[in-house]
Amino acid sequence: MEQDAASPGAVPETGAEEVVVVRHRRMTDWLRWIAAGL
């Protein structure tokens, strides 16, 4: 059976993109802090 896109178990496509962007920003911040420390 195909899961309905609106069902509770589905992750909206825009939400996944936001998670990736947040993680990317955190990694960038860490690199900036390390570079600043060096």
PDB file of all heavy atoms in Angstrom:
ATOM      1  N   MET A   1       0.837  -1.195   0.000  1.00  0.00           N
ATOM      2  CA  MET A   1       0.000   0.000   0.000  1.00  0.00           C
ATOM      3  C   MET A   1       0.868   1.239   0.000  1.00  0.00           C
ATOM      4  O   MET A   1       1.930   1.269   0.629  1.00  0.00           O
ATOM      5  CB  MET A   1      -0.903   0.028   1.252  1.00  0.00           C
ATOM      6  CG  MET A   1      -1.936  -1.084   1.280  1.00  0.00           C
ATOM      7  SD  MET A   1      -2.891  -1.018   2.790  1.00  0.00           S
ATOM      8  CE  MET A   1      -3.649   0.572   2.626  1.00  0.00           C
ATOM      9  N   GLU A   2       0.432   2.273  -0.687  1.00  0.00           N
ATOM     10  CA  GLU A   2       1.161   3.525  -0.696  1.00  0.00           C
ATOM     11  C   GLU A   2       0.660   4.389   0.443  1.00  0.00           C
ATOM     12  O   GLU A   2      -0.543   4.490   0.691  1.00  0.00           O
ATOM     13  CB  GLU A   2       0.941   4.247  -2.024  1.00  0.00           C
ATOM     14  CG  GLU A   2       1.560   3.521  -3.202  1.00  0.00           C
ATOM     15  CD  GLU A   2       1.396   4.335  -4.455  1.00  0.00           C
ATOM     16  OE1 GLU A   2       0.810   5.436  -4.378  1.00  0.00           O
ATOM     17  OE2 GLU A   2       1.870   3.889  -5.511  1.00  0.00           O
ATOM     18  N   GLN A   3       1.584   4.995   1.133  1.00  0.00           N
ATOM     19  CA  GLN A   3       1.246   5.836   2.287  1.00  0.00           C
ATOM     20  C   GLN A   3       0.795   7.190   1.790  1.00  0.00           C
ATOM     21  O   GLN A   3       1.429   7.791   0.909  1.00  0.00           O
ATOM     22  CB  GLN A   3       2.444   5.991   3.214  1.00  0.00           C
ATOM     23  CG  GLN A   3       2.095   6.683   4.515  1.00  0.00           C
ATOM     24  CD  GLN A   3       3.306   6.710   5.442  1.00  0.00           C
ATOM     25  OE1 GLN A   3       4.405   6.604   4.964  1.00  0.00           O
ATOM     26  NE2 GLN A   3       3.057   6.827   6.722  1.00  0.00           N
ATOM     27  N   ASP A   4      -0.276   7.703   2.364  1.00  0.00           N
ATOM     28  CA  ASP A   4      -0.771   9.002   1.958  1.00  0.00           C
ATOM     29  C   ASP A   4       0.179  10.088   2.421  1.00  0.00           C
ATOM     30  O   ASP A   4       0.709  10.049   3.535  1.00  0.00           O
ATOM     31  CB  ASP A   4      -2.168   9.233   2.576  1.00  0.00           C
ATOM     32  CG  ASP A   4      -2.759  10.552   2.096  1.00  0.00           C
ATOM     33  OD1 ASP A   4      -3.024  10.665   0.888  1.00  0.00           O
ATOM     34  OD2 ASP A   4      -2.928  11.435   2.968  1.00  0.00           O
ATOM     35  N   ALA A   5       0.452  11.061   1.582  1.00  0.00           N
ATOM     36  CA  ALA A   5       1.423  12.109   1.887  1.00  0.00           C
ATOM     37  C   ALA A   5       1.001  12.909   3.097  1.00  0.00           C
ATOM     38  O   ALA A   5       1.827  13.494   3.778  1.00  0.00           O
ATOM     39  CB  ALA A   5       1.588  13.030   0.676  1.00  0.00           C
ATOM     40  N   ALA A   6      -0.297  12.920   3.395  1.00  0.00           N
ATOM     41  CA  ALA A   6      -0.772  13.725   4.526  1.00  0.00           C
ATOM     42  C   ALA A   6      -0.842  12.936   5.810  1.00  0.00           C
ATOM     43  O   ALA A   6      -1.256  13.448   6.828  1.00  0.00           O
ATOM     44  CB  ALA A   6      -2.144  14.321   4.191  1.00  0.00           C
ATOM     45  N   SER A   7      -0.533  11.653   5.761  1.00  0.00           N
ATOM     46  CA  SER A   7      -0.612  10.809   6.959  1.00  0.00           C
ATOM     47  C   SER A   7       0.424  11.233   7.986  1.00  0.00           C
ATOM     48  O   SER A   7       1.433  11.841   7.656  1.00  0.00           O
ATOM     49  CB  SER A   7      -0.409   9.348   6.561  1.00  0.00           C
ATOM     50  OG  SER A   7       0.900   9.172   6.083  1.00  0.00           O
ATOM     51  N   PRO A   8       0.183  10.887   9.306  1.00  0.00           N
ATOM     52  CA  PRO A   8       1.096  11.320  10.386  1.00  0.00           C
ATOM     53  C   PRO A   8       2.505  10.797  10.199  1.00  0.00           C
ATOM     54  O   PRO A   8       3.465  11.401  10.662  1.00  0.00           O
ATOM     55  CB  PRO A   8       0.425  10.756  11.650  1.00  0.00           C
ATOM     56  CG  PRO A   8      -1.006  10.586  11.292  1.00  0.00           C
ATOM     57  CD  PRO A   8      -1.049  10.256   9.854  1.00  0.00           C
ATOM     58  N   GLY A   9       2.720   9.604   9.586  1.00  0.00           N
ATOM     59  CA  GLY A   9       4.069   9.034   9.484  1.00  0.00           C
ATOM     60  C   GLY A   9       4.911   9.677   8.431  1.00  0.00           C
ATOM     61  O   GLY A   9       6.105   9.421   8.336  1.00  0.00           O
ATOM     62  N   ALA A  10       4.374  10.519   7.602  1.00  0.00           N
ATOM     63  CA  ALA A  10       5.147  11.115   6.510  1.00  0.00           C
ATOM     64  C   ALA A  10       5.857  12.364   6.987  1.00  0.00           C
ATOM     65  O   ALA A  10       5.377  13.090   7.843  1.00  0.00           O
ATOM     66  CB  ALA A  10       4.219  11.449   5.353  1.00  0.00           C
ATOM     67  N   VAL A  11       7.066  12.648   6.424  1.00  0.00           N
ATOM     68  CA  VAL A  11       7.845  13.862   6.720  1.00  0.00           C
ATOM     69  C   VAL A  11       7.724  14.788   5.555  1.00  0.00           C
ATOM     70  O   VAL A  11       8.072  14.411   4.428  1.00  0.00           O
ATOM     71  CB  VAL A  11       9.317  13.536   6.961  1.00  0.00           C
ATOM     72  CG1 VAL A  11      10.098  14.826   7.220  1.00  0.00           C
ATOM     73  CG2 VAL A  11       9.479  12.582   8.124  1.00  0.00           C
ATOM     74  N   PRO A  12       7.208  15.966   5.767  1.00  0.00           N
ATOM     75  CA  PRO A  12       7.065  16.898   4.654  1.00  0.00           C
ATOM     76  C   PRO A  12       8.396  17.181   4.016  1.00  0.00           C
ATOM     77  O   PRO A  12       9.434  17.266   4.671  1.00  0.00           O
ATOM     78  CB  PRO A  12       6.479  18.160   5.325  1.00  0.00           C
ATOM     79  CG  PRO A  12       5.868  17.677   6.590  1.00  0.00           C
ATOM     80  CD  PRO A  12       6.655  16.516   7.028  1.00  0.00           C
ATOM     81  N   GLU A  13       8.390  17.327   2.724  1.00  0.00           N
ATOM     82  CA  GLU A  13       9.631  17.528   1.970  1.00  0.00           C
ATOM     83  C   GLU A  13      10.314  18.810   2.410  1.00  0.00           C
ATOM     84  O   GLU A  13      11.540  18.872   2.535  1.00  0.00           O
ATOM     85  CB  GLU A  13       9.296  17.562   0.482  1.00  0.00           C
ATOM     86  CG  GLU A  13      10.534  17.583  -0.403  1.00  0.00           C
ATOM     87  CD  GLU A  13      10.158  17.449  -1.855  1.00  0.00           C
ATOM     88  OE1 GLU A  13       9.134  16.794  -2.126  1.00  0.00           O
ATOM     89  OE2 GLU A  13      10.886  17.982  -2.698  1.00  0.00           O
ATOM     90  N   THR A  14       9.538  19.874   2.667  1.00  0.00           N
ATOM     91  CA  THR A  14      10.129  21.139   3.094  1.00  0.00           C
ATOM     92  C   THR A  14      10.766  21.011   4.468  1.00  0.00           C
ATOM     93  O   THR A  14      11.800  21.610   4.750  1.00  0.00           O
ATOM     94  CB  THR A  14       9.058  22.219   3.118  1.00  0.00           C
ATOM     95  OG1 THR A  14       7.974  21.803   3.961  1.00  0.00           O
ATOM     96  CG2 THR A  14       8.510  22.484   1.721  1.00  0.00           C
ATOM     97  N   GLY A  15      10.231  20.192   5.358  1.00  0.00           N
ATOM     98  CA  GLY A  15      10.810  19.976   6.699  1.00  0.00           C
ATOM     99  C   GLY A  15      12.167  19.326   6.622  1.00  0.00           C
ATOM    100  O   GLY A  15      13.096  19.668   7.350  1.00  0.00           O
ATOM    101  N   ALA A  16      12.350  18.323   5.744  1.00  0.00           N
ATOM    102  CA  ALA A  16      13.650  17.663   5.586  1.00  0.00           C
ATOM    103  C   ALA A  16      14.702  18.648   5.122  1.00  0.00           C
ATOM    104  O   ALA A  16      15.851  18.633   5.574  1.00  0.00           O
ATOM    105  CB  ALA A  16      13.509  16.506   4.588  1.00  0.00           C
ATOM    106  N   GLU A  17      14.296  19.516   4.215  1.00  0.00           N
ATOM    107  CA  GLU A  17      15.263  20.506   3.716  1.00  0.00           C
ATOM    108  C   GLU A  17      15.694  21.442   4.839  1.00  0.00           C
ATOM    109  O   GLU A  17      16.860  21.824   4.951  1.00  0.00           O
ATOM    110  CB  GLU A  17      14.629  21.297   2.581  1.00  0.00           C
ATOM    111  CG  GLU A  17      14.408  20.482   1.314  1.00  0.00           C
ATOM    112  CD  GLU A  17      13.709  21.294   0.234  1.00  0.00           C
ATOM    113  OE1 GLU A  17      13.308  22.435   0.560  1.00  0.00           O
ATOM    114  OE2 GLU A  17      13.580  20.787  -0.889  1.00  0.00           O
ATOM    115  N   GLU A  18      14.702  21.813   5.718  1.00  0.00           N
ATOM    116  CA  GLU A  18      15.047  22.696   6.831  1.00  0.00           C
ATOM    117  C   GLU A  18      16.031  22.029   7.787  1.00  0.00           C
ATOM    118  O   GLU A  18      16.952  22.665   8.296  1.00  0.00           O
ATOM    119  CB  GLU A  18      13.768  23.095   7.582  1.00  0.00           C
ATOM    120  CG  GLU A  18      12.873  24.027   6.779  1.00  0.00           C
ATOM    121  CD  GLU A  18      11.590  24.350   7.526  1.00  0.00           C
ATOM    122  OE1 GLU A  18      11.410  23.783   8.619  1.00  0.00           O
ATOM    123  OE2 GLU A  18      10.786  25.149   7.036  1.00  0.00           O
ATOM    124  N   VAL A  19      15.851  20.712   8.055  1.00  0.00           N
ATOM    125  CA  VAL A  19      16.782  19.982   8.936  1.00  0.00           C
ATOM    126  C   VAL A  19      18.183  19.997   8.365  1.00  0.00           C
ATOM    127  O   VAL A  19      19.185  20.230   9.058  1.00  0.00           O
ATOM    128  CB  VAL A  19      16.299  18.532   9.138  1.00  0.00           C
ATOM    129  CG1 VAL A  19      17.374  17.723   9.845  1.00  0.00           C
ATOM    130  CG2 VAL A  19      15.013  18.519   9.945  1.00  0.00           C
ATOM    131  N   VAL A  20      18.327  19.759   7.061  1.00  0.00           N
ATOM    132  CA  VAL A  20      19.642  19.759   6.411  1.00  0.00           C
ATOM    133  C   VAL A  20      20.280  21.131   6.503  1.00  0.00           C
ATOM    134  O   VAL A  20      21.469  21.283   6.786  1.00  0.00           O
ATOM    135  CB  VAL A  20      19.509  19.319   4.934  1.00  0.00           C
ATOM    136  CG1 VAL A  20      20.837  19.503   4.210  1.00  0.00           C
ATOM    137  CG2 VAL A  20      19.058  17.875   4.859  1.00  0.00           C
ATOM    138  N   VAL A  21      19.488  22.177   6.287  1.00  0.00           N
ATOM    139  CA  VAL A  21      20.015  23.535   6.345  1.00  0.00           C
ATOM    140  C   VAL A  21      20.506  23.869   7.746  1.00  0.00           C
ATOM    141  O   VAL A  21      21.572  24.452   7.937  1.00  0.00           O
ATOM    142  CB  VAL A  21      18.929  24.543   5.888  1.00  0.00           C
ATOM    143  CG1 VAL A  21      19.387  25.976   6.181  1.00  0.00           C
ATOM    144  CG2 VAL A  21      18.630  24.366   4.419  1.00  0.00           C
ATOM    145  N   VAL A  22      19.716  23.465   8.786  1.00  0.00           N
ATOM    146  CA  VAL A  22      20.114  23.728  10.166  1.00  0.00           C
ATOM    147  C   VAL A  22      21.426  23.031  10.495  1.00  0.00           C
ATOM    148  O   VAL A  22      22.341  23.597  11.094  1.00  0.00           O
ATOM    149  CB  VAL A  22      18.999  23.290  11.140  1.00  0.00           C
ATOM    150  CG1 VAL A  22      19.518  23.329  12.574  1.00  0.00           C
ATOM    151  CG2 VAL A  22      17.791  24.202  10.986  1.00  0.00           C
ATOM    152  N   ARG A  23      21.522  21.757  10.088  1.00  0.00           N
ATOM    153  CA  ARG A  23      22.758  21.006  10.353  1.00  0.00           C
ATOM    154  C   ARG A  23      23.938  21.648   9.639  1.00  0.00           C
ATOM    155  O   ARG A  23      25.054  21.724  10.162  1.00  0.00           O
ATOM    156  CB  ARG A  23      22.585  19.561   9.909  1.00  0.00           C
ATOM    157  CG  ARG A  23      21.634  18.765  10.792  1.00  0.00           C
ATOM    158  CD  ARG A  23      21.467  17.361  10.269  1.00  0.00           C
ATOM    159  NE  ARG A  23      20.598  16.576  11.142  1.00  0.00           N
ATOM    160  CZ  ARG A  23      20.199  15.329  10.876  1.00  0.00           C
ATOM    161  NH1 ARG A  23      20.570  14.755   9.736  1.00  0.00           N
ATOM    162  NH2 ARG A  23      19.423  14.692  11.728  1.00  0.00           N
ATOM    163  N   HIS A  24      23.738  22.098   8.420  1.00  0.00           N
ATOM    164  CA  HIS A  24      24.809  22.732   7.660  1.00  0.00           C
ATOM    165  C   HIS A  24      25.278  24.011   8.354  1.00  0.00           C
ATOM    166  O   HIS A  24      26.473  24.293   8.436  1.00  0.00           O
ATOM    167  CB  HIS A  24      24.319  23.034   6.247  1.00  0.00           C
ATOM    168  CG  HIS A  24      25.337  23.742   5.404  1.00  0.00           C
ATOM    169  ND1 HIS A  24      26.471  23.120   4.926  1.00  0.00           N
ATOM    170  CD2 HIS A  24      25.393  25.035   4.972  1.00  0.00           C
ATOM    171  CE1 HIS A  24      27.184  23.979   4.232  1.00  0.00           C
ATOM    172  NE2 HIS A  24      26.554  25.155   4.244  1.00  0.00           N
ATOM    173  N   ARG A  25      24.279  24.783   8.862  1.00  0.00           N
ATOM    174  CA  ARG A  25      24.642  26.007   9.563  1.00  0.00           C
ATOM    175  C   ARG A  25      25.447  25.713  10.830  1.00  0.00           C
ATOM    176  O   ARG A  25      26.414  26.407  11.141  1.00  0.00           O
ATOM    177  CB  ARG A  25      23.376  26.790   9.913  1.00  0.00           C
ATOM    178  CG  ARG A  25      22.708  27.440   8.697  1.00  0.00           C
ATOM    179  CD  ARG A  25      21.423  28.123   9.112  1.00  0.00           C
ATOM    180  NE  ARG A  25      20.798  28.778   7.958  1.00  0.00           N
ATOM    181  CZ  ARG A  25      19.609  29.348   8.022  1.00  0.00           C
ATOM    182  NH1 ARG A  25      18.898  29.332   9.161  1.00  0.00           N
ATOM    183  NH2 ARG A  25      19.091  29.928   6.946  1.00  0.00           N
ATOM    184  N   ARG A  26      25.033  24.666  11.565  1.00  0.00           N
ATOM    185  CA  ARG A  26      25.762  24.312  12.783  1.00  0.00           C
ATOM    186  C   ARG A  26      27.202  23.906  12.464  1.00  0.00           C
ATOM    187  O   ARG A  26      28.149  24.290  13.156  1.00  0.00           O
ATOM    188  CB  ARG A  26      25.034  23.183  13.519  1.00  0.00           C
ATOM    189  CG  ARG A  26      23.735  23.616  14.168  1.00  0.00           C
ATOM    190  CD  ARG A  26      23.062  22.441  14.844  1.00  0.00           C
ATOM    191  NE  ARG A  26      21.823  22.852  15.514  1.00  0.00           N
ATOM    192  CZ  ARG A  26      20.997  21.999  16.114  1.00  0.00           C
ATOM    193  NH1 ARG A  26      21.271  20.693  16.119  1.00  0.00           N
ATOM    194  NH2 ARG A  26      19.911  22.446  16.712  1.00  0.00           N
ATOM    195  N   MET A  27      27.384  23.109  11.420  1.00  0.00           N
ATOM    196  CA  MET A  27      28.721  22.682  11.024  1.00  0.00           C
ATOM    197  C   MET A  27      29.565  23.880  10.613  1.00  0.00           C
ATOM    198  O   MET A  27      30.746  23.995  10.971  1.00  0.00           O
ATOM    199  CB  MET A  27      28.629  21.674   9.881  1.00  0.00           C
ATOM    200  CG  MET A  27      29.998  21.145   9.417  1.00  0.00           C
ATOM    201  SD  MET A  27      30.879  20.256  10.736  1.00  0.00           S
ATOM    202  CE  MET A  27      29.807  18.809  10.883  1.00  0.00           C
ATOM    203  N   THR A  28      28.948  24.793   9.876  1.00  0.00           N
ATOM    204  CA  THR A  28      29.672  25.997   9.451  1.00  0.00           C
ATOM    205  C   THR A  28      30.086  26.829  10.654  1.00  0.00           C
ATOM    206  O   THR A  28      31.206  27.353  10.727  1.00  0.00           O
ATOM    207  CB  THR A  28      28.786  26.827   8.509  1.00  0.00           C
ATOM    208  OG1 THR A  28      28.408  26.026   7.383  1.00  0.00           O
ATOM    209  CG2 THR A  28      29.543  28.062   8.023  1.00  0.00           C
ATOM    210  N   ASP A  29      29.155  26.939  11.647  1.00  0.00           N
ATOM    211  CA  ASP A  29      29.478  27.696  12.859  1.00  0.00           C
ATOM    212  C   ASP A  29      30.658  27.055  13.599  1.00  0.00           C
ATOM    213  O   ASP A  29      31.559  27.748  14.082  1.00  0.00           O
ATOM    214  CB  ASP A  29      28.258  27.777  13.774  1.00  0.00           C
ATOM    215  CG  ASP A  29      27.169  28.675  13.189  1.00  0.00           C
ATOM    216  OD1 ASP A  29      27.517  29.491  12.311  1.00  0.00           O
ATOM    217  OD2 ASP A  29      26.014  28.538  13.610  1.00  0.00           O
ATOM    218  N   TRP A  30      30.637  25.704  13.706  1.00  0.00           N
ATOM    219  CA  TRP A  30      31.742  25.004  14.377  1.00  0.00           C
ATOM    220  C   TRP A  30      33.061  25.278  13.681  1.00  0.00           C
ATOM    221  O   TRP A  30      34.084  25.539  14.319  1.00  0.00           O
ATOM    222  CB  TRP A  30      31.465  23.494  14.401  1.00  0.00           C
ATOM    223  CG  TRP A  30      30.618  23.042  15.541  1.00  0.00           C
ATOM    224  CD1 TRP A  30      29.323  22.647  15.490  1.00  0.00           C
ATOM    225  CD2 TRP A  30      31.000  22.976  16.916  1.00  0.00           C
ATOM    226  NE1 TRP A  30      28.856  22.325  16.733  1.00  0.00           N
ATOM    227  CE2 TRP A  30      29.874  22.513  17.634  1.00  0.00           C
ATOM    228  CE3 TRP A  30      32.169  23.258  17.615  1.00  0.00           C
ATOM    229  CZ2 TRP A  30      29.899  22.321  19.005  1.00  0.00           C
ATOM    230  CZ3 TRP A  30      32.194  23.062  18.992  1.00  0.00           C
ATOM    231  CH2 TRP A  30      31.066  22.602  19.665  1.00  0.00           C
ATOM    232  N   LEU A  31      33.066  25.188  12.354  1.00  0.00           N
ATOM    233  CA  LEU A  31      34.293  25.446  11.600  1.00  0.00           C
ATOM    234  C   LEU A  31      34.769  26.877  11.808  1.00  0.00           C
ATOM    235  O   LEU A  31      35.970  27.139  11.924  1.00  0.00           O
ATOM    236  CB  LEU A  31      34.061  25.166  10.111  1.00  0.00           C
ATOM    237  CG  LEU A  31      33.841  23.693   9.733  1.00  0.00           C
ATOM    238  CD1 LEU A  31      33.506  23.571   8.248  1.00  0.00           C
ATOM    239  CD2 LEU A  31      35.068  22.858  10.074  1.00  0.00           C
ATOM    240  N   ARG A  32      33.830  27.827  11.838  1.00  0.00           N
ATOM    241  CA  ARG A  32      34.206  29.214  12.062  1.00  0.00           C
ATOM    242  C   ARG A  32      34.817  29.405  13.448  1.00  0.00           C
ATOM    243  O   ARG A  32      35.802  30.114  13.614  1.00  0.00           O
ATOM    244  CB  ARG A  32      32.980  30.112  11.897  1.00  0.00           C
ATOM    245  CG  ARG A  32      32.513  30.271  10.453  1.00  0.00           C
ATOM    246  CD  ARG A  32      31.245  31.089  10.392  1.00  0.00           C
ATOM    247  NE  ARG A  32      30.797  31.263   9.009  1.00  0.00           N
ATOM    248  CZ  ARG A  32      29.639  31.825   8.677  1.00  0.00           C
ATOM    249  NH1 ARG A  32      28.818  32.275   9.627  1.00  0.00           N
ATOM    250  NH2 ARG A  32      29.308  31.942   7.410  1.00  0.00           N
ATOM    251  N   TRP A  33      34.190  28.757  14.460  1.00  0.00           N
ATOM    252  CA  TRP A  33      34.725  28.886  15.810  1.00  0.00           C
ATOM    253  C   TRP A  33      36.131  28.280  15.912  1.00  0.00           C
ATOM    254  O   TRP A  33      37.000  28.845  16.558  1.00  0.00           O
ATOM    255  CB  TRP A  33      33.779  28.198  16.802  1.00  0.00           C
ATOM    256  CG  TRP A  33      32.439  28.886  16.912  1.00  0.00           C
ATOM    257  CD1 TRP A  33      32.130  30.187  16.610  1.00  0.00           C
ATOM    258  CD2 TRP A  33      31.231  28.282  17.358  1.00  0.00           C
ATOM    259  NE1 TRP A  33      30.814  30.446  16.834  1.00  0.00           N
ATOM    260  CE2 TRP A  33      30.202  29.299  17.298  1.00  0.00           C
ATOM    261  CE3 TRP A  33      30.868  27.008  17.798  1.00  0.00           C
ATOM    262  CZ2 TRP A  33      28.894  29.053  17.666  1.00  0.00           C
ATOM    263  CZ3 TRP A  33      29.541  26.773  18.178  1.00  0.00           C
ATOM    264  CH2 TRP A  33      28.568  27.784  18.095  1.00  0.00           C
ATOM    265  N   ILE A  34      36.323  27.111  15.307  1.00  0.00           N
ATOM    266  CA  ILE A  34      37.643  26.470  15.334  1.00  0.00           C
ATOM    267  C   ILE A  34      38.680  27.351  14.636  1.00  0.00           C
ATOM    268  O   ILE A  34      39.797  27.560  15.132  1.00  0.00           O
ATOM    269  CB  ILE A  34      37.583  25.077  14.680  1.00  0.00           C
ATOM    270  CG1 ILE A  34      36.728  24.129  15.536  1.00  0.00           C
ATOM    271  CG2 ILE A  34      38.989  24.502  14.491  1.00  0.00           C
ATOM    272  CD1 ILE A  34      36.487  22.778  14.896  1.00  0.00           C
ATOM    273  N   ALA A  35      38.296  27.885  13.453  1.00  0.00           N
ATOM    274  CA  ALA A  35      39.210  28.758  12.719  1.00  0.00           C
ATOM    275  C   ALA A  35      39.532  30.010  13.530  1.00  0.00           C
ATOM    276  O   ALA A  35      40.694  30.457  13.593  1.00  0.00           O
ATOM    277  CB  ALA A  35      38.604  29.135  11.373  1.00  0.00           C
ATOM    278  N   ALA A  36      38.493  30.582  14.178  1.00  0.00           N
ATOM    279  CA  ALA A  36      38.723  31.767  14.998  1.00  0.00           C
ATOM    280  C   ALA A  36      39.652  31.451  16.173  1.00  0.00           C
ATOM    281  O   ALA A  36      40.528  32.245  16.518  1.00  0.00           O
ATOM    282  CB  ALA A  36      37.384  32.321  15.508  1.00  0.00           C
ATOM    283  N   GLY A  37      39.451  30.269  16.773  1.00  0.00           N
ATOM    284  CA  GLY A  37      40.311  29.869  17.878  1.00  0.00           C
ATOM    285  C   GLY A  37      41.761  29.694  17.447  1.00  0.00           C
ATOM    286  O   GLY A  37      42.687  30.122  18.138  1.00  0.00           O
ATOM    287  N   LEU A  38      41.963  29.067  16.274  1.00  0.00           N
ATOM    288  CA  LEU A  38      43.319  28.884  15.768  1.00  0.00           C
ATOM    289  C   LEU A  38      43.976  30.225  15.459  1.00  0.00           C
ATOM    290  O   LEU A  38      45.157  30.436  15.761  1.00  0.00           O
ATOM    291  CB  LEU A  38      43.300  27.992  14.518  1.00  0.00           C
ATOM    292  CG  LEU A  38      42.958  26.519  14.751  1.00  0.00           C
ATOM    293  CD1 LEU A  38      42.856  25.786  13.413  1.00  0.00           C
ATOM    294  CD2 LEU A  38      44.000  25.846  15.636  1.00  0.00           C
TER     295      LEU A  38
END
